[in-house]
Amino acid sequence: MILAIDVGNTHTVFGLWNGESWCATWRRQTSIQDTEDEIAAWLRSLFELSGFRWEIEGAVLGSVVPGANFALERMVERYFSRRLRIVTNGESVGVPVDYNPPHAVGADRLANALAALERGAPPIIVVDFGTATTFDTINRDGVYVGGAIMPGVQISMEALASRAAKLPPIQLVPPATAVGKDTVHSIQSGVLFGYAGAVDAVVNRIDAELGGGTTVLATGGLGGLFMGTAKTICCYEPTLTLEGLVIAYHRLSKSH
């Protein structure tokens, strides 16, 4: 099995790929304070709870938090006796990049591009709903050409709550109507429908610049909220980034 590790600013997702499907995915809060031993103890308990043997064929890392990388690399080497493959740039995994500078494209965005291109023909936009919401754009020639970045849904909610002391706790679910009949309903409408409208507006502008006919995929922890709400999104692929990391693993293994 391949262990894919996607380190985001808020959470780190671990996925076990058996060559055909995901056996398991686990989420852990990202921390640069964790040691390799702490991560291994946490991960081994999940292997055991899921009935998996404590062994892997290989491991791959995509990270936007460089401070977390060393402990993960040490964990894989010490506890699995494997070399951790790390996604560092588009050239190493076969993704042409037109961005300034090219190395500024995050590993998660490269992984999204890899997985999206495996699924269908470009042009493609991947809307990744994480700490930030990113619009990863692949043009008709299969080149990663950039995109857009918005504050994430959760960040927007936290900013609102920090400035309004009387707001009640809000569950992020799309309401039945846009006209809110109480405070919770009103905030749900403003946040969910307003954010969906913003996503559609950005997608439509990018699509026009690409010449139209763009396929739009959603991924990330909150992506499922916007299926049917953001009209431009055709499907939600929660493991898209992990899938791209597995593709990157095989390409990196061939080149070394």
C-alpha atoms as a PDB file:
ATOM      1  CA  MET A   1       0.000   0.000   0.000  1.00  0.00           C
ATOM      2  CA  ILE A   2       0.991   3.615  -0.600  1.00  0.00           C
ATOM      3  CA  LEU A   3       0.740   6.127   2.239  1.00  0.00           C
ATOM      4  CA  ALA A   4      -0.174   9.554   0.852  1.00  0.00           C
ATOM      5  CA  ILE A   5       0.185  12.552   3.179  1.00  0.00           C
ATOM      6  CA  ASP A   6      -1.390  15.910   2.372  1.00  0.00           C
ATOM      7  CA  VAL A   7      -0.215  18.601   4.820  1.00  0.00           C
ATOM      8  CA  GLY A   8      -2.503  21.633   4.806  1.00  0.00           C
ATOM      9  CA  ASN A   9      -2.392  24.753   6.927  1.00  0.00           C
ATOM     10  CA  THR A  10      -5.136  23.482   9.243  1.00  0.00           C
ATOM     11  CA  HIS A  11      -5.271  19.691   8.838  1.00  0.00           C
ATOM     12  CA  THR A  12      -3.042  16.903   7.582  1.00  0.00           C
ATOM     13  CA  VAL A  13      -4.783  14.080   5.735  1.00  0.00           C
ATOM     14  CA  PHE A  14      -3.282  10.570   5.593  1.00  0.00           C
ATOM     15  CA  GLY A  15      -4.591   8.136   2.990  1.00  0.00           C
ATOM     16  CA  LEU A  16      -3.840   4.449   2.359  1.00  0.00           C
ATOM     17  CA  TRP A  17      -4.036   3.418  -1.301  1.00  0.00           C
ATOM     18  CA  ASN A  18      -4.068  -0.297  -2.169  1.00  0.00           C
ATOM     19  CA  GLY A  19      -3.601   0.156  -5.912  1.00  0.00           C
ATOM     20  CA  GLU A  20      -7.310   0.226  -6.707  1.00  0.00           C
ATOM     21  CA  SER A  21      -9.051   2.225  -4.010  1.00  0.00           C
ATOM     22  CA  TRP A  22      -8.593   4.088  -0.724  1.00  0.00           C
ATOM     23  CA  CYS A  23      -8.555   1.679   2.196  1.00  0.00           C
ATOM     24  CA  ALA A  24      -8.752   4.504   4.714  1.00  0.00           C
ATOM     25  CA  THR A  25      -8.255   8.238   5.153  1.00  0.00           C
ATOM     26  CA  TRP A  26      -7.477   9.921   8.465  1.00  0.00           C
ATOM     27  CA  ARG A  27      -7.333  13.582   9.424  1.00  0.00           C
ATOM     28  CA  ARG A  28      -5.030  15.156  12.007  1.00  0.00           C
ATOM     29  CA  GLN A  29      -4.501  18.759  13.048  1.00  0.00           C
ATOM     30  CA  THR A  30      -1.350  20.136  11.446  1.00  0.00           C
ATOM     31  CA  SER A  31       1.372  20.990  13.964  1.00  0.00           C
ATOM     32  CA  ILE A  32       5.046  21.721  13.485  1.00  0.00           C
ATOM     33  CA  GLN A  33       5.586  20.679  17.110  1.00  0.00           C
ATOM     34  CA  ASP A  34       4.775  16.991  16.548  1.00  0.00           C
ATOM     35  CA  THR A  35       7.700  14.584  16.645  1.00  0.00           C
ATOM     36  CA  GLU A  36       8.087  11.534  14.398  1.00  0.00           C
ATOM     37  CA  ASP A  37       7.371   9.322  17.418  1.00  0.00           C
ATOM     38  CA  GLU A  38       4.109  11.091  18.254  1.00  0.00           C
ATOM     39  CA  ILE A  39       2.899  10.863  14.668  1.00  0.00           C
ATOM     40  CA  ALA A  40       3.885   7.182  14.437  1.00  0.00           C
ATOM     41  CA  ALA A  41       2.092   6.307  17.689  1.00  0.00           C
ATOM     42  CA  TRP A  42      -1.096   8.032  16.479  1.00  0.00           C
ATOM     43  CA  LEU A  43      -0.905   6.482  13.010  1.00  0.00           C
ATOM     44  CA  ARG A  44      -0.101   2.963  14.218  1.00  0.00           C
ATOM     45  CA  SER A  45      -3.150   2.952  16.472  1.00  0.00           C
ATOM     46  CA  LEU A  46      -5.306   3.803  13.444  1.00  0.00           C
ATOM     47  CA  PHE A  47      -3.676   1.027  11.393  1.00  0.00           C
ATOM     48  CA  GLU A  48      -4.487  -1.429  14.170  1.00  0.00           C
ATOM     49  CA  LEU A  49      -8.047  -0.179  14.657  1.00  0.00           C
ATOM     50  CA  SER A  50      -8.648  -0.562  10.920  1.00  0.00           C
ATOM     51  CA  GLY A  51      -7.118  -4.056  10.810  1.00  0.00           C
ATOM     52  CA  PHE A  52      -4.097  -3.151   8.638  1.00  0.00           C
ATOM     53  CA  ARG A  53      -0.584  -4.516   9.012  1.00  0.00           C
ATOM     54  CA  TRP A  54       2.000  -1.919   9.998  1.00  0.00           C
ATOM     55  CA  GLU A  55       3.753  -1.853   6.643  1.00  0.00           C
ATOM     56  CA  ILE A  56       3.655   0.099   3.400  1.00  0.00           C
ATOM     57  CA  GLU A  57       5.192  -0.161  -0.051  1.00  0.00           C
ATOM     58  CA  GLY A  58       6.028   3.542  -0.157  1.00  0.00           C
ATOM     59  CA  ALA A  59       4.999   7.019   0.949  1.00  0.00           C
ATOM     60  CA  VAL A  60       4.521  10.410  -0.687  1.00  0.00           C
ATOM     61  CA  LEU A  61       4.177  13.882   0.799  1.00  0.00           C
ATOM     62  CA  GLY A  62       2.586  17.065  -0.480  1.00  0.00           C
ATOM     63  CA  SER A  63       2.966  19.905   2.005  1.00  0.00           C
ATOM     64  CA  VAL A  64       2.293  23.627   2.260  1.00  0.00           C
ATOM     65  CA  VAL A  65       3.782  23.729   5.779  1.00  0.00           C
ATOM     66  CA  PRO A  66       7.545  23.174   5.403  1.00  0.00           C
ATOM     67  CA  GLY A  67       8.050  23.050   9.176  1.00  0.00           C
ATOM     68  CA  ALA A  68       6.026  19.834   9.357  1.00  0.00           C
ATOM     69  CA  ASN A  69       8.022  17.957   6.724  1.00  0.00           C
ATOM     70  CA  PHE A  70      11.055  16.852   8.715  1.00  0.00           C
ATOM     71  CA  ALA A  71       9.111  14.898  11.355  1.00  0.00           C
ATOM     72  CA  LEU A  72       7.048  13.145   8.671  1.00  0.00           C
ATOM     73  CA  GLU A  73      10.150  12.236   6.699  1.00  0.00           C
ATOM     74  CA  ARG A  74      11.797  10.845   9.837  1.00  0.00           C
ATOM     75  CA  MET A  75       8.623   8.934  10.772  1.00  0.00           C
ATOM     76  CA  VAL A  76       8.486   7.168   7.397  1.00  0.00           C
ATOM     77  CA  GLU A  77      12.198   6.328   7.474  1.00  0.00           C
ATOM     78  CA  ARG A  78      12.301   5.170  11.094  1.00  0.00           C
ATOM     79  CA  TYR A  79       9.028   3.283  11.408  1.00  0.00           C
ATOM     80  CA  PHE A  80       8.462   2.002   7.862  1.00  0.00           C
ATOM     81  CA  SER A  81      12.063   1.847   6.590  1.00  0.00           C
ATOM     82  CA  ARG A  82      10.946   3.671   3.449  1.00  0.00           C
ATOM     83  CA  ARG A  83      12.060   6.833   1.726  1.00  0.00           C
ATOM     84  CA  LEU A  84       9.417   9.545   1.683  1.00  0.00           C
ATOM     85  CA  ARG A  85       8.867  10.954  -1.809  1.00  0.00           C
ATOM     86  CA  ILE A  86       8.182  14.704  -1.632  1.00  0.00           C
ATOM     87  CA  VAL A  87       6.402  16.785  -4.279  1.00  0.00           C
ATOM     88  CA  THR A  88       8.459  19.966  -4.692  1.00  0.00           C
ATOM     89  CA  ASN A  89       7.737  21.318  -8.177  1.00  0.00           C
ATOM     90  CA  GLY A  90       5.749  20.703 -11.324  1.00  0.00           C
ATOM     91  CA  GLU A  91       8.682  19.631 -13.461  1.00  0.00           C
ATOM     92  CA  SER A  92       9.507  16.685 -11.196  1.00  0.00           C
ATOM     93  CA  VAL A  93       6.006  15.204 -11.554  1.00  0.00           C
ATOM     94  CA  GLY A  94       5.298  16.097 -15.180  1.00  0.00           C
ATOM     95  CA  VAL A  95       3.050  19.152 -14.734  1.00  0.00           C
ATOM     96  CA  PRO A  96       4.048  22.086 -16.976  1.00  0.00           C
ATOM     97  CA  VAL A  97       3.723  25.294 -14.945  1.00  0.00           C
ATOM     98  CA  ASP A  98       3.225  28.855 -16.206  1.00  0.00           C
ATOM     99  CA  TYR A  99       3.358  30.791 -12.929  1.00  0.00           C
ATOM    100  CA  ASN A 100       5.650  33.414 -11.416  1.00  0.00           C
ATOM    101  CA  PRO A 101       7.769  31.993  -9.906  1.00  0.00           C
ATOM    102  CA  PRO A 102       7.031  28.351 -10.878  1.00  0.00           C
ATOM    103  CA  HIS A 103       8.168  26.960  -7.499  1.00  0.00           C
ATOM    104  CA  ALA A 104       5.554  29.070  -5.695  1.00  0.00           C
ATOM    105  CA  VAL A 105       2.809  26.639  -6.746  1.00  0.00           C
ATOM    106  CA  GLY A 106       1.911  24.543  -3.683  1.00  0.00           C
ATOM    107  CA  ALA A 107       2.255  20.768  -3.728  1.00  0.00           C
ATOM    108  CA  ASP A 108      -1.483  20.393  -3.119  1.00  0.00           C
ATOM    109  CA  ARG A 109      -2.245  22.449  -6.226  1.00  0.00           C
ATOM    110  CA  LEU A 110       0.128  20.351  -8.321  1.00  0.00           C
ATOM    111  CA  ALA A 111      -1.495  17.179  -6.977  1.00  0.00           C
ATOM    112  CA  ASN A 112      -4.935  18.537  -7.863  1.00  0.00           C
ATOM    113  CA  ALA A 113      -3.755  19.211 -11.404  1.00  0.00           C
ATOM    114  CA  LEU A 114      -2.296  15.710 -11.763  1.00  0.00           C
ATOM    115  CA  ALA A 115      -5.481  14.014 -10.579  1.00  0.00           C
ATOM    116  CA  ALA A 116      -7.746  16.268 -12.628  1.00  0.00           C
ATOM    117  CA  LEU A 117      -5.791  15.595 -15.833  1.00  0.00           C
ATOM    118  CA  GLU A 118      -6.020  11.865 -15.118  1.00  0.00           C
ATOM    119  CA  ARG A 119      -9.812  12.168 -14.964  1.00  0.00           C
ATOM    120  CA  GLY A 120     -10.476  14.149 -18.113  1.00  0.00           C
ATOM    121  CA  ALA A 121      -9.349  16.483 -20.859  1.00  0.00           C
ATOM    122  CA  PRO A 122      -8.506  20.117 -20.107  1.00  0.00           C
ATOM    123  CA  PRO A 123      -9.372  22.925 -19.684  1.00  0.00           C
ATOM    124  CA  ILE A 124     -10.104  22.178 -16.026  1.00  0.00           C
ATOM    125  CA  ILE A 125     -10.618  24.206 -12.859  1.00  0.00           C
ATOM    126  CA  VAL A 126     -10.252  22.520  -9.472  1.00  0.00           C
ATOM    127  CA  VAL A 127     -11.914  24.472  -6.665  1.00  0.00           C
ATOM    128  CA  ASP A 128     -10.244  23.323  -3.443  1.00  0.00           C
ATOM    129  CA  PHE A 129     -12.188  24.283  -0.315  1.00  0.00           C
ATOM    130  CA  GLY A 130      -9.580  24.303   2.453  1.00  0.00           C
ATOM    131  CA  THR A 131      -8.183  26.931   4.826  1.00  0.00           C
ATOM    132  CA  ALA A 132      -8.176  29.061   1.695  1.00  0.00           C
ATOM    133  CA  THR A 133     -10.325  28.326  -1.342  1.00  0.00           C
ATOM    134  CA  THR A 134      -8.075  27.938  -4.363  1.00  0.00           C
ATOM    135  CA  PHE A 135      -8.977  27.788  -8.039  1.00  0.00           C
ATOM    136  CA  ASP A 136      -6.385  25.584  -9.753  1.00  0.00           C
ATOM    137  CA  THR A 137      -6.489  26.205 -13.482  1.00  0.00           C
ATOM    138  CA  ILE A 138      -5.221  23.945 -16.267  1.00  0.00           C
ATOM    139  CA  ASN A 139      -5.498  25.355 -19.783  1.00  0.00           C
ATOM    140  CA  ARG A 140      -6.402  23.564 -22.985  1.00  0.00           C
ATOM    141  CA  ASP A 141      -2.757  22.515 -23.489  1.00  0.00           C
ATOM    142  CA  GLY A 142      -2.561  20.819 -20.080  1.00  0.00           C
ATOM    143  CA  VAL A 143      -0.454  23.597 -18.543  1.00  0.00           C
ATOM    144  CA  TYR A 144      -1.023  24.739 -14.956  1.00  0.00           C
ATOM    145  CA  VAL A 145      -1.520  28.482 -15.492  1.00  0.00           C
ATOM    146  CA  GLY A 146      -2.405  29.723 -11.987  1.00  0.00           C
ATOM    147  CA  GLY A 147      -5.854  30.622 -10.749  1.00  0.00           C
ATOM    148  CA  ALA A 148      -7.287  32.511  -7.814  1.00  0.00           C
ATOM    149  CA  ILE A 149      -7.257  32.375  -4.010  1.00  0.00           C
ATOM    150  CA  MET A 150     -10.135  33.363  -1.699  1.00  0.00           C
ATOM    151  CA  PRO A 151     -10.326  33.310   2.113  1.00  0.00           C
ATOM    152  CA  GLY A 152     -11.802  29.967   3.155  1.00  0.00           C
ATOM    153  CA  VAL A 153     -15.383  29.549   4.334  1.00  0.00           C
ATOM    154  CA  GLN A 154     -14.317  28.736   7.892  1.00  0.00           C
ATOM    155  CA  ILE A 155     -11.966  31.727   8.033  1.00  0.00           C
ATOM    156  CA  SER A 156     -14.810  33.970   6.895  1.00  0.00           C
ATOM    157  CA  MET A 157     -17.066  32.573   9.617  1.00  0.00           C
ATOM    158  CA  GLU A 158     -14.393  33.023  12.288  1.00  0.00           C
ATOM    159  CA  ALA A 159     -13.793  36.613  11.207  1.00  0.00           C
ATOM    160  CA  LEU A 160     -17.511  37.356  11.453  1.00  0.00           C
ATOM    161  CA  ALA A 161     -17.813  35.735  14.880  1.00  0.00           C
ATOM    162  CA  SER A 162     -14.772  37.611  16.231  1.00  0.00           C
ATOM    163  CA  ARG A 163     -16.382  40.966  15.398  1.00  0.00           C
ATOM    164  CA  ALA A 164     -19.938  40.177  16.506  1.00  0.00           C
ATOM    165  CA  ALA A 165     -20.136  39.034  20.130  1.00  0.00           C
ATOM    166  CA  LYS A 166     -23.831  38.113  20.116  1.00  0.00           C
ATOM    167  CA  LEU A 167     -23.757  35.719  17.184  1.00  0.00           C
ATOM    168  CA  PRO A 168     -24.855  32.164  18.097  1.00  0.00           C
ATOM    169  CA  PRO A 169     -22.916  29.060  16.962  1.00  0.00           C
ATOM    170  CA  ILE A 170     -23.649  28.430  13.297  1.00  0.00           C
ATOM    171  CA  GLN A 171     -23.798  25.053  11.555  1.00  0.00           C
ATOM    172  CA  LEU A 172     -22.568  25.376   7.985  1.00  0.00           C
ATOM    173  CA  VAL A 173     -25.448  23.861   6.012  1.00  0.00           C
ATOM    174  CA  PRO A 174     -27.279  25.400   3.031  1.00  0.00           C
ATOM    175  CA  PRO A 175     -30.644  26.784   4.194  1.00  0.00           C
ATOM    176  CA  ALA A 176     -33.898  26.024   2.407  1.00  0.00           C
ATOM    177  CA  THR A 177     -34.480  29.667   1.454  1.00  0.00           C
ATOM    178  CA  ALA A 178     -32.345  32.748   0.847  1.00  0.00           C
ATOM    179  CA  VAL A 179     -34.578  34.892   3.058  1.00  0.00           C
ATOM    180  CA  GLY A 180     -33.526  34.137   6.629  1.00  0.00           C
ATOM    181  CA  LYS A 181     -36.226  34.030   9.308  1.00  0.00           C
ATOM    182  CA  ASP A 182     -33.831  34.114  12.271  1.00  0.00           C
ATOM    183  CA  THR A 183     -30.194  35.002  12.898  1.00  0.00           C
ATOM    184  CA  VAL A 184     -28.806  31.504  12.267  1.00  0.00           C
ATOM    185  CA  HIS A 185     -30.816  31.114   9.060  1.00  0.00           C
ATOM    186  CA  SER A 186     -29.745  34.588   7.881  1.00  0.00           C
ATOM    187  CA  ILE A 187     -26.051  33.904   8.409  1.00  0.00           C
ATOM    188  CA  GLN A 188     -26.295  30.512   6.705  1.00  0.00           C
ATOM    189  CA  SER A 189     -27.909  32.192   3.721  1.00  0.00           C
ATOM    190  CA  GLY A 190     -25.345  34.989   3.555  1.00  0.00           C
ATOM    191  CA  VAL A 191     -22.328  32.747   3.978  1.00  0.00           C
ATOM    192  CA  LEU A 192     -23.343  29.723   1.888  1.00  0.00           C
ATOM    193  CA  PHE A 193     -25.239  31.424  -0.943  1.00  0.00           C
ATOM    194  CA  GLY A 194     -22.934  34.425  -0.955  1.00  0.00           C
ATOM    195  CA  TYR A 195     -19.845  32.216  -1.078  1.00  0.00           C
ATOM    196  CA  ALA A 196     -21.371  30.012  -3.782  1.00  0.00           C
ATOM    197  CA  GLY A 197     -22.091  33.110  -5.846  1.00  0.00           C
ATOM    198  CA  ALA A 198     -18.503  34.280  -5.406  1.00  0.00           C
ATOM    199  CA  VAL A 199     -17.204  30.869  -6.521  1.00  0.00           C
ATOM    200  CA  ASP A 200     -19.424  30.956  -9.614  1.00  0.00           C
ATOM    201  CA  ALA A 201     -18.301  34.496 -10.442  1.00  0.00           C
ATOM    202  CA  VAL A 202     -14.598  33.575 -10.290  1.00  0.00           C
ATOM    203  CA  VAL A 203     -15.131  30.337 -12.236  1.00  0.00           C
ATOM    204  CA  ASN A 204     -17.072  32.130 -14.978  1.00  0.00           C
ATOM    205  CA  ARG A 205     -14.336  34.710 -15.421  1.00  0.00           C
ATOM    206  CA  ILE A 206     -11.614  32.047 -15.591  1.00  0.00           C
ATOM    207  CA  ASP A 207     -13.702  29.956 -17.991  1.00  0.00           C
ATOM    208  CA  ALA A 208     -14.076  32.947 -20.334  1.00  0.00           C
ATOM    209  CA  GLU A 209     -10.303  33.521 -20.279  1.00  0.00           C
ATOM    210  CA  LEU A 210      -9.722  29.846 -21.115  1.00  0.00           C
ATOM    211  CA  GLY A 211     -12.075  29.996 -24.086  1.00  0.00           C
ATOM    212  CA  GLY A 212     -15.062  28.215 -22.512  1.00  0.00           C
ATOM    213  CA  GLY A 213     -16.014  24.575 -22.080  1.00  0.00           C
ATOM    214  CA  THR A 214     -14.111  24.198 -18.799  1.00  0.00           C
ATOM    215  CA  THR A 215     -14.749  21.227 -16.496  1.00  0.00           C
ATOM    216  CA  VAL A 216     -15.041  22.345 -12.853  1.00  0.00           C
ATOM    217  CA  LEU A 217     -14.275  19.919 -10.006  1.00  0.00           C
ATOM    218  CA  ALA A 218     -14.529  20.559  -6.269  1.00  0.00           C
ATOM    219  CA  THR A 219     -12.403  19.035  -3.536  1.00  0.00           C
ATOM    220  CA  GLY A 220     -11.386  19.842   0.047  1.00  0.00           C
ATOM    221  CA  GLY A 221     -13.125  19.337   3.347  1.00  0.00           C
ATOM    222  CA  LEU A 222     -16.007  21.754   2.716  1.00  0.00           C
ATOM    223  CA  GLY A 223     -16.425  21.155  -1.009  1.00  0.00           C
ATOM    224  CA  GLY A 224     -19.480  18.956  -0.601  1.00  0.00           C
ATOM    225  CA  LEU A 225     -21.443  21.903   0.826  1.00  0.00           C
ATOM    226  CA  PHE A 226     -21.438  23.614  -2.538  1.00  0.00           C
ATOM    227  CA  MET A 227     -22.742  20.831  -4.749  1.00  0.00           C
ATOM    228  CA  GLY A 228     -25.964  22.232  -6.190  1.00  0.00           C
ATOM    229  CA  THR A 229     -25.328  25.602  -4.549  1.00  0.00           C
ATOM    230  CA  ALA A 230     -22.414  26.688  -6.725  1.00  0.00           C
ATOM    231  CA  LYS A 231     -23.920  26.095 -10.161  1.00  0.00           C
ATOM    232  CA  THR A 232     -20.610  25.886 -12.017  1.00  0.00           C
ATOM    233  CA  ILE A 233     -19.282  22.858 -10.092  1.00  0.00           C
ATOM    234  CA  CYS A 234     -20.020  19.544 -11.803  1.00  0.00           C
ATOM    235  CA  CYS A 235     -18.793  17.084  -9.153  1.00  0.00           C
ATOM    236  CA  TYR A 236     -17.150  16.763  -5.754  1.00  0.00           C
ATOM    237  CA  GLU A 237     -14.044  14.579  -5.416  1.00  0.00           C
ATOM    238  CA  PRO A 238     -13.002  14.519  -1.729  1.00  0.00           C
ATOM    239  CA  THR A 239      -9.831  12.463  -2.293  1.00  0.00           C
ATOM    240  CA  LEU A 240      -8.643  14.307  -5.423  1.00  0.00           C
ATOM    241  CA  THR A 241      -5.486  15.727  -3.800  1.00  0.00           C
ATOM    242  CA  LEU A 242      -4.507  12.334  -2.365  1.00  0.00           C
ATOM    243  CA  GLU A 243      -5.079  10.723  -5.773  1.00  0.00           C
ATOM    244  CA  GLY A 244      -2.743  13.266  -7.323  1.00  0.00           C
ATOM    245  CA  LEU A 245      -0.113  12.485  -4.704  1.00  0.00           C
ATOM    246  CA  VAL A 246      -0.248   8.781  -5.602  1.00  0.00           C
ATOM    247  CA  ILE A 247       0.281   9.670  -9.267  1.00  0.00           C
ATOM    248  CA  ALA A 248       3.197  11.873  -8.190  1.00  0.00           C
ATOM    249  CA  TYR A 249       4.647   9.006  -6.136  1.00  0.00           C
ATOM    250  CA  HIS A 250       4.859   6.729  -9.171  1.00  0.00           C
ATOM    251  CA  ARG A 251       6.404   9.451 -11.320  1.00  0.00           C
ATOM    252  CA  LEU A 252       8.955  10.371  -8.658  1.00  0.00           C
ATOM    253  CA  SER A 253       9.834   6.699  -8.145  1.00  0.00           C
ATOM    254  CA  LYS A 254      10.546   6.259 -11.857  1.00  0.00           C
ATOM    255  CA  SER A 255      12.825   9.296 -11.956  1.00  0.00           C
ATOM    256  CA  HIS A 256      15.039   8.131  -9.050  1.00  0.00           C
END
